[in-house]
Amino acid sequence: ANENTFDVHFEKARWDVEGAYTAINCEFAKYIQAKYPHILYLDREEDMGVEGLRKAKESYFPHHMIQRGFAVLKENVNED
């Protein structure tokens, strides 16, 4: 993140209320814009490859999304 990006680490809403996450995200974005007018971007964090989270992020038509990779530690690696 940098001086023009606000990092959102988590989002919480009632799962049983349709549109709750959308409403919270919208109101939070308005709040950040009013309180910190220099903020241009909200970073909604990693979707961890979960299809529903990725779809939700894409529904907001993001400015850009960063491609992430995965590293896997192999066991019993020769240390020669």
PDB file of N, CA and C in Angstrom:
ATOM      1  N   ALA A   1       0.848  -1.190   0.000  1.00  0.00           N
ATOM      2  CA  ALA A   1       0.000   0.000   0.000  1.00  0.00           C
ATOM      3  C   ALA A   1       0.889   1.248   0.000  1.00  0.00           C
ATOM      4  N   ASN A   2       0.276   2.350  -0.329  1.00  0.00           N
ATOM      5  CA  ASN A   2       0.999   3.616  -0.320  1.00  0.00           C
ATOM      6  C   ASN A   2       0.079   4.722   0.178  1.00  0.00           C
ATOM      7  N   GLU A   3       0.497   5.967   0.017  1.00  0.00           N
ATOM      8  CA  GLU A   3      -0.267   7.087   0.593  1.00  0.00           C
ATOM      9  C   GLU A   3      -1.620   7.338  -0.074  1.00  0.00           C
ATOM     10  N   ASN A   4      -1.878   6.744  -1.226  1.00  0.00           N
ATOM     11  CA  ASN A   4      -3.180   6.956  -1.872  1.00  0.00           C
ATOM     12  C   ASN A   4      -4.057   5.699  -1.868  1.00  0.00           C
ATOM     13  N   THR A   5      -3.660   4.700  -1.054  1.00  0.00           N
ATOM     14  CA  THR A   5      -4.390   3.434  -0.986  1.00  0.00           C
ATOM     15  C   THR A   5      -4.753   3.113   0.457  1.00  0.00           C
ATOM     16  N   PHE A   6      -6.005   2.743   0.685  1.00  0.00           N
ATOM     17  CA  PHE A   6      -6.460   2.313   2.001  1.00  0.00           C
ATOM     18  C   PHE A   6      -6.636   0.802   1.944  1.00  0.00           C
ATOM     19  N   ASP A   7      -6.012   0.094   2.865  1.00  0.00           N
ATOM     20  CA  ASP A   7      -6.014  -1.364   2.868  1.00  0.00           C
ATOM     21  C   ASP A   7      -7.130  -1.888   3.772  1.00  0.00           C
ATOM     22  N   VAL A   8      -8.061  -2.640   3.191  1.00  0.00           N
ATOM     23  CA  VAL A   8      -9.167  -3.234   3.936  1.00  0.00           C
ATOM     24  C   VAL A   8      -8.773  -4.682   4.243  1.00  0.00           C
ATOM     25  N   HIS A   9      -8.508  -4.975   5.504  1.00  0.00           N
ATOM     26  CA  HIS A   9      -8.029  -6.307   5.873  1.00  0.00           C
ATOM     27  C   HIS A   9      -9.141  -7.347   5.967  1.00  0.00           C
ATOM     28  N   PHE A  10     -10.328  -6.921   6.349  1.00  0.00           N
ATOM     29  CA  PHE A  10     -11.436  -7.869   6.433  1.00  0.00           C
ATOM     30  C   PHE A  10     -12.748  -7.124   6.251  1.00  0.00           C
ATOM     31  N   GLU A  11     -13.772  -7.872   5.896  1.00  0.00           N
ATOM     32  CA  GLU A  11     -15.127  -7.337   5.747  1.00  0.00           C
ATOM     33  C   GLU A  11     -16.052  -8.282   6.490  1.00  0.00           C
ATOM     34  N   LYS A  12     -16.984  -7.736   7.226  1.00  0.00           N
ATOM     35  CA  LYS A  12     -17.892  -8.582   7.990  1.00  0.00           C
ATOM     36  C   LYS A  12     -19.307  -8.027   7.860  1.00  0.00           C
ATOM     37  N   ALA A  13     -20.232  -8.915   7.546  1.00  0.00           N
ATOM     38  CA  ALA A  13     -21.642  -8.547   7.469  1.00  0.00           C
ATOM     39  C   ALA A  13     -22.454  -9.796   7.774  1.00  0.00           C
ATOM     40  N   ARG A  14     -23.723  -9.607   7.952  1.00  0.00           N
ATOM     41  CA  ARG A  14     -24.602 -10.759   8.180  1.00  0.00           C
ATOM     42  C   ARG A  14     -24.810 -11.483   6.869  1.00  0.00           C
ATOM     43  N   TRP A  15     -24.484 -12.750   6.835  1.00  0.00           N
ATOM     44  CA  TRP A  15     -24.609 -13.560   5.621  1.00  0.00           C
ATOM     45  C   TRP A  15     -26.064 -13.782   5.243  1.00  0.00           C
ATOM     46  N   ASP A  16     -26.972 -13.684   6.221  1.00  0.00           N
ATOM     47  CA  ASP A  16     -28.377 -13.969   5.956  1.00  0.00           C
ATOM     48  C   ASP A  16     -29.181 -12.740   5.515  1.00  0.00           C
ATOM     49  N   VAL A  17     -28.517 -11.610   5.375  1.00  0.00           N
ATOM     50  CA  VAL A  17     -29.178 -10.393   4.918  1.00  0.00           C
ATOM     51  C   VAL A  17     -28.695 -10.086   3.505  1.00  0.00           C
ATOM     52  N   GLU A  18     -29.572 -10.263   2.528  1.00  0.00           N
ATOM     53  CA  GLU A  18     -29.188 -10.037   1.132  1.00  0.00           C
ATOM     54  C   GLU A  18     -28.751  -8.587   0.916  1.00  0.00           C
ATOM     55  N   GLY A  19     -27.594  -8.431   0.303  1.00  0.00           N
ATOM     56  CA  GLY A  19     -27.066  -7.100   0.010  1.00  0.00           C
ATOM     57  C   GLY A  19     -26.295  -6.459   1.149  1.00  0.00           C
ATOM     58  N   ALA A  20     -26.119  -7.170   2.258  1.00  0.00           N
ATOM     59  CA  ALA A  20     -25.435  -6.589   3.422  1.00  0.00           C
ATOM     60  C   ALA A  20     -23.990  -6.216   3.103  1.00  0.00           C
ATOM     61  N   TYR A  21     -23.263  -7.107   2.446  1.00  0.00           N
ATOM     62  CA  TYR A  21     -21.867  -6.811   2.111  1.00  0.00           C
ATOM     63  C   TYR A  21     -21.774  -5.649   1.130  1.00  0.00           C
ATOM     64  N   THR A  22     -22.651  -5.620   0.162  1.00  0.00           N
ATOM     65  CA  THR A  22     -22.652  -4.522  -0.811  1.00  0.00           C
ATOM     66  C   THR A  22     -22.899  -3.190  -0.117  1.00  0.00           C
ATOM     67  N   ALA A  23     -23.882  -3.156   0.778  1.00  0.00           N
ATOM     68  CA  ALA A  23     -24.204  -1.918   1.494  1.00  0.00           C
ATOM     69  C   ALA A  23     -23.043  -1.468   2.372  1.00  0.00           C
ATOM     70  N   ILE A  24     -22.442  -2.406   3.102  1.00  0.00           N
ATOM     71  CA  ILE A  24     -21.328  -2.057   3.976  1.00  0.00           C
ATOM     72  C   ILE A  24     -20.151  -1.538   3.160  1.00  0.00           C
ATOM     73  N   ASN A  25     -19.842  -2.205   2.047  1.00  0.00           N
ATOM     74  CA  ASN A  25     -18.736  -1.756   1.201  1.00  0.00           C
ATOM     75  C   ASN A  25     -18.992  -0.366   0.639  1.00  0.00           C
ATOM     76  N   CYS A  26     -20.201  -0.121   0.206  1.00  0.00           N
ATOM     77  CA  CYS A  26     -20.551   1.191  -0.359  1.00  0.00           C
ATOM     78  C   CYS A  26     -20.426   2.295   0.695  1.00  0.00           C
ATOM     79  N   GLU A  27     -20.996   2.060   1.868  1.00  0.00           N
ATOM     80  CA  GLU A  27     -20.943   3.068   2.929  1.00  0.00           C
ATOM     81  C   GLU A  27     -19.519   3.272   3.438  1.00  0.00           C
ATOM     82  N   PHE A  28     -18.749   2.203   3.513  1.00  0.00           N
ATOM     83  CA  PHE A  28     -17.364   2.330   3.954  1.00  0.00           C
ATOM     84  C   PHE A  28     -16.563   3.152   2.958  1.00  0.00           C
ATOM     85  N   ALA A  29     -16.773   2.907   1.661  1.00  0.00           N
ATOM     86  CA  ALA A  29     -16.071   3.675   0.618  1.00  0.00           C
ATOM     87  C   ALA A  29     -16.432   5.157   0.722  1.00  0.00           C
ATOM     88  N   LYS A  30     -17.695   5.461   0.963  1.00  0.00           N
ATOM     89  CA  LYS A  30     -18.120   6.865   1.128  1.00  0.00           C
ATOM     90  C   LYS A  30     -17.445   7.491   2.348  1.00  0.00           C
ATOM     91  N   TYR A  31     -17.383   6.737   3.435  1.00  0.00           N
ATOM     92  CA  TYR A  31     -16.754   7.224   4.657  1.00  0.00           C
ATOM     93  C   TYR A  31     -15.277   7.541   4.429  1.00  0.00           C
ATOM     94  N   ILE A  32     -14.558   6.613   3.815  1.00  0.00           N
ATOM     95  CA  ILE A  32     -13.133   6.809   3.550  1.00  0.00           C
ATOM     96  C   ILE A  32     -12.919   8.017   2.640  1.00  0.00           C
ATOM     97  N   GLN A  33     -13.756   8.144   1.618  1.00  0.00           N
ATOM     98  CA  GLN A  33     -13.629   9.274   0.688  1.00  0.00           C
ATOM     99  C   GLN A  33     -13.849  10.607   1.404  1.00  0.00           C
ATOM    100  N   ALA A  34     -14.807  10.659   2.316  1.00  0.00           N
ATOM    101  CA  ALA A  34     -15.085  11.894   3.053  1.00  0.00           C
ATOM    102  C   ALA A  34     -13.991  12.210   4.074  1.00  0.00           C
ATOM    103  N   LYS A  35     -13.535  11.191   4.786  1.00  0.00           N
ATOM    104  CA  LYS A  35     -12.549  11.408   5.852  1.00  0.00           C
ATOM    105  C   LYS A  35     -11.129  11.573   5.323  1.00  0.00           C
ATOM    106  N   TYR A  36     -10.805  10.859   4.240  1.00  0.00           N
ATOM    107  CA  TYR A  36      -9.461  10.884   3.666  1.00  0.00           C
ATOM    108  C   TYR A  36      -9.561  11.164   2.163  1.00  0.00           C
ATOM    109  N   PRO A  37      -9.803  12.394   1.773  1.00  0.00           N
ATOM    110  CA  PRO A  37     -10.031  12.706   0.357  1.00  0.00           C
ATOM    111  C   PRO A  37      -8.848  12.403  -0.561  1.00  0.00           C
ATOM    112  N   HIS A  38      -7.658  12.233  -0.006  1.00  0.00           N
ATOM    113  CA  HIS A  38      -6.486  11.909  -0.836  1.00  0.00           C
ATOM    114  C   HIS A  38      -6.448  10.431  -1.234  1.00  0.00           C
ATOM    115  N   ILE A  39      -7.268   9.596  -0.607  1.00  0.00           N
ATOM    116  CA  ILE A  39      -7.296   8.160  -0.922  1.00  0.00           C
ATOM    117  C   ILE A  39      -7.978   7.946  -2.265  1.00  0.00           C
ATOM    118  N   LEU A  40      -7.286   7.248  -3.160  1.00  0.00           N
ATOM    119  CA  LEU A  40      -7.826   6.959  -4.490  1.00  0.00           C
ATOM    120  C   LEU A  40      -8.292   5.511  -4.633  1.00  0.00           C
ATOM    121  N   TYR A  41      -7.698   4.607  -3.836  1.00  0.00           N
ATOM    122  CA  TYR A  41      -7.974   3.181  -4.003  1.00  0.00           C
ATOM    123  C   TYR A  41      -8.269   2.510  -2.666  1.00  0.00           C
ATOM    124  N   LEU A  42      -9.163   1.532  -2.705  1.00  0.00           N
ATOM    125  CA  LEU A  42      -9.375   0.628  -1.583  1.00  0.00           C
ATOM    126  C   LEU A  42      -8.809  -0.721  -1.992  1.00  0.00           C
ATOM    127  N   ASP A  43      -7.863  -1.215  -1.231  1.00  0.00           N
ATOM    128  CA  ASP A  43      -7.284  -2.531  -1.488  1.00  0.00           C
ATOM    129  C   ASP A  43      -8.056  -3.530  -0.644  1.00  0.00           C
ATOM    130  N   ARG A  44      -8.831  -4.390  -1.306  1.00  0.00           N
ATOM    131  CA  ARG A  44      -9.700  -5.327  -0.596  1.00  0.00           C
ATOM    132  C   ARG A  44      -9.024  -6.648  -0.290  1.00  0.00           C
ATOM    133  N   GLU A  45      -7.716  -6.689  -0.366  1.00  0.00           N
ATOM    134  CA  GLU A  45      -6.936  -7.854   0.047  1.00  0.00           C
ATOM    135  C   GLU A  45      -7.097  -9.040  -0.885  1.00  0.00           C
ATOM    136  N   GLU A  46      -6.449 -10.099  -0.527  1.00  0.00           N
ATOM    137  CA  GLU A  46      -6.368 -11.328  -1.307  1.00  0.00           C
ATOM    138  C   GLU A  46      -7.686 -12.103  -1.243  1.00  0.00           C
ATOM    139  N   ASP A  47      -8.093 -12.697  -2.355  1.00  0.00           N
ATOM    140  CA  ASP A  47      -9.301 -13.528  -2.361  1.00  0.00           C
ATOM    141  C   ASP A  47      -8.975 -14.993  -2.107  1.00  0.00           C
ATOM    142  N   MET A  48      -7.714 -15.307  -1.897  1.00  0.00           N
ATOM    143  CA  MET A  48      -7.227 -16.639  -1.546  1.00  0.00           C
ATOM    144  C   MET A  48      -7.670 -17.723  -2.533  1.00  0.00           C
ATOM    145  N   GLY A  49      -7.990 -17.327  -3.739  1.00  0.00           N
ATOM    146  CA  GLY A  49      -8.412 -18.295  -4.739  1.00  0.00           C
ATOM    147  C   GLY A  49      -9.832 -18.794  -4.556  1.00  0.00           C
ATOM    148  N   VAL A  50     -10.573 -18.230  -3.610  1.00  0.00           N
ATOM    149  CA  VAL A  50     -11.958 -18.635  -3.362  1.00  0.00           C
ATOM    150  C   VAL A  50     -12.842 -17.978  -4.416  1.00  0.00           C
ATOM    151  N   GLU A  51     -13.520 -18.786  -5.213  1.00  0.00           N
ATOM    152  CA  GLU A  51     -14.281 -18.289  -6.355  1.00  0.00           C
ATOM    153  C   GLU A  51     -15.293 -17.213  -5.968  1.00  0.00           C
ATOM    154  N   GLY A  52     -16.029 -17.413  -4.886  1.00  0.00           N
ATOM    155  CA  GLY A  52     -17.030 -16.437  -4.458  1.00  0.00           C
ATOM    156  C   GLY A  52     -16.422 -15.087  -4.111  1.00  0.00           C
ATOM    157  N   LEU A  53     -15.268 -15.111  -3.446  1.00  0.00           N
ATOM    158  CA  LEU A  53     -14.594 -13.856  -3.091  1.00  0.00           C
ATOM    159  C   LEU A  53     -14.069 -13.145  -4.333  1.00  0.00           C
ATOM    160  N   ARG A  54     -13.503 -13.911  -5.259  1.00  0.00           N
ATOM    161  CA  ARG A  54     -12.996 -13.313  -6.495  1.00  0.00           C
ATOM    162  C   ARG A  54     -14.149 -12.679  -7.266  1.00  0.00           C
ATOM    163  N   LYS A  55     -15.265 -13.377  -7.363  1.00  0.00           N
ATOM    164  CA  LYS A  55     -16.429 -12.866  -8.089  1.00  0.00           C
ATOM    165  C   LYS A  55     -16.941 -11.577  -7.437  1.00  0.00           C
ATOM    166  N   ALA A  56     -16.965 -11.558  -6.108  1.00  0.00           N
ATOM    167  CA  ALA A  56     -17.406 -10.365  -5.382  1.00  0.00           C
ATOM    168  C   ALA A  56     -16.479  -9.185  -5.665  1.00  0.00           C
ATOM    169  N   LYS A  57     -15.163  -9.435  -5.645  1.00  0.00           N
ATOM    170  CA  LYS A  57     -14.209  -8.363  -5.926  1.00  0.00           C
ATOM    171  C   LYS A  57     -14.379  -7.834  -7.347  1.00  0.00           C
ATOM    172  N   GLU A  58     -14.551  -8.752  -8.296  1.00  0.00           N
ATOM    173  CA  GLU A  58     -14.695  -8.337  -9.698  1.00  0.00           C
ATOM    174  C   GLU A  58     -15.982  -7.574  -9.936  1.00  0.00           C
ATOM    175  N   SER A  59     -17.011  -7.779  -9.127  1.00  0.00           N
ATOM    176  CA  SER A  59     -18.295  -7.091  -9.312  1.00  0.00           C
ATOM    177  C   SER A  59     -18.185  -5.592  -9.056  1.00  0.00           C
ATOM    178  N   TYR A  60     -17.104  -5.167  -8.387  1.00  0.00           N
ATOM    179  CA  TYR A  60     -16.876  -3.741  -8.131  1.00  0.00           C
ATOM    180  C   TYR A  60     -16.045  -3.089  -9.228  1.00  0.00           C
ATOM    181  N   PHE A  61     -15.777  -3.810 -10.291  1.00  0.00           N
ATOM    182  CA  PHE A  61     -14.990  -3.302 -11.424  1.00  0.00           C
ATOM    183  C   PHE A  61     -13.712  -2.619 -10.958  1.00  0.00           C
ATOM    184  N   PRO A  62     -12.805  -3.402 -10.369  1.00  0.00           N
ATOM    185  CA  PRO A  62     -11.572  -2.823  -9.817  1.00  0.00           C
ATOM    186  C   PRO A  62     -10.703  -2.165 -10.874  1.00  0.00           C
ATOM    187  N   HIS A  63      -9.980  -1.148 -10.449  1.00  0.00           N
ATOM    188  CA  HIS A  63      -9.026  -0.462 -11.314  1.00  0.00           C
ATOM    189  C   HIS A  63      -8.001  -1.458 -11.847  1.00  0.00           C
ATOM    190  N   HIS A  64      -7.497  -2.318 -10.948  1.00  0.00           N
ATOM    191  CA  HIS A  64      -6.573  -3.376 -11.342  1.00  0.00           C
ATOM    192  C   HIS A  64      -6.543  -4.446 -10.258  1.00  0.00           C
ATOM    193  N   MET A  65      -6.102  -5.624 -10.654  1.00  0.00           N
ATOM    194  CA  MET A  65      -5.918  -6.716  -9.702  1.00  0.00           C
ATOM    195  C   MET A  65      -4.513  -7.266  -9.921  1.00  0.00           C
ATOM    196  N   ILE A  66      -3.850  -7.566  -8.835  1.00  0.00           N
ATOM    197  CA  ILE A  66      -2.481  -8.069  -8.904  1.00  0.00           C
ATOM    198  C   ILE A  66      -2.512  -9.590  -8.985  1.00  0.00           C
ATOM    199  N   GLN A  67      -1.765 -10.134  -9.939  1.00  0.00           N
ATOM    200  CA  GLN A  67      -1.633 -11.585 -10.051  1.00  0.00           C
ATOM    201  C   GLN A  67      -0.696 -12.072  -8.952  1.00  0.00           C
ATOM    202  N   ARG A  68      -1.133 -13.024  -8.202  1.00  0.00           N
ATOM    203  CA  ARG A  68      -0.306 -13.578  -7.127  1.00  0.00           C
ATOM    204  C   ARG A  68       0.125 -14.988  -7.497  1.00  0.00           C
ATOM    205  N   GLY A  69       1.238 -15.404  -6.957  1.00  0.00           N
ATOM    206  CA  GLY A  69       1.724 -16.761  -7.166  1.00  0.00           C
ATOM    207  C   GLY A  69       1.768 -17.498  -5.839  1.00  0.00           C
ATOM    208  N   PHE A  70       2.046 -18.763  -5.905  1.00  0.00           N
ATOM    209  CA  PHE A  70       2.141 -19.576  -4.707  1.00  0.00           C
ATOM    210  C   PHE A  70       3.509 -20.254  -4.670  1.00  0.00           C
ATOM    211  N   ALA A  71       4.064 -20.365  -3.503  1.00  0.00           N
ATOM    212  CA  ALA A  71       5.307 -21.098  -3.303  1.00  0.00           C
ATOM    213  C   ALA A  71       4.987 -22.296  -2.426  1.00  0.00           C
ATOM    214  N   VAL A  72       5.571 -23.428  -2.769  1.00  0.00           N
ATOM    215  CA  VAL A  72       5.345 -24.648  -2.003  1.00  0.00           C
ATOM    216  C   VAL A  72       6.685 -25.151  -1.502  1.00  0.00           C
ATOM    217  N   LEU A  73       6.781 -25.407  -0.218  1.00  0.00           N
ATOM    218  CA  LEU A  73       7.993 -25.916   0.388  1.00  0.00           C
ATOM    219  C   LEU A  73       8.042 -27.423   0.183  1.00  0.00           C
ATOM    220  N   LYS A  74       9.094 -27.886  -0.464  1.00  0.00           N
ATOM    221  CA  LYS A  74       9.263 -29.322  -0.662  1.00  0.00           C
ATOM    222  C   LYS A  74       9.974 -29.888   0.563  1.00  0.00           C
ATOM    223  N   GLU A  75       9.485 -31.015   1.017  1.00  0.00           N
ATOM    224  CA  GLU A  75      10.133 -31.674   2.156  1.00  0.00           C
ATOM    225  C   GLU A  75      11.295 -32.518   1.656  1.00  0.00           C
ATOM    226  N   ASN A  76      12.246 -32.789   2.520  1.00  0.00           N
ATOM    227  CA  ASN A  76      13.411 -33.624   2.213  1.00  0.00           C
ATOM    228  C   ASN A  76      14.220 -33.102   1.018  1.00  0.00           C
ATOM    229  N   VAL A  77      14.399 -31.805   0.957  1.00  0.00           N
ATOM    230  CA  VAL A  77      15.201 -31.209  -0.105  1.00  0.00           C
ATOM    231  C   VAL A  77      16.667 -31.395   0.247  1.00  0.00           C
ATOM    232  N   ASN A  78      17.443 -31.861  -0.716  1.00  0.00           N
ATOM    233  CA  ASN A  78      18.871 -32.046  -0.523  1.00  0.00           C
ATOM    234  C   ASN A  78      19.522 -30.685  -0.294  1.00  0.00           C
ATOM    235  N   GLU A  79      20.299 -30.525   0.748  1.00  0.00           N
ATOM    236  CA  GLU A  79      20.926 -29.247   1.046  1.00  0.00           C
ATOM    237  C   GLU A  79      22.381 -29.211   0.588  1.00  0.00           C
ATOM    238  N   ASP A  80      22.738 -29.945  -0.436  1.00  0.00           N
ATOM    239  CA  ASP A  80      24.125 -30.008  -0.935  1.00  0.00           C
ATOM    240  C   ASP A  80      24.510 -28.751  -1.630  1.00  0.00           C
TER     241      ASP A  80
END
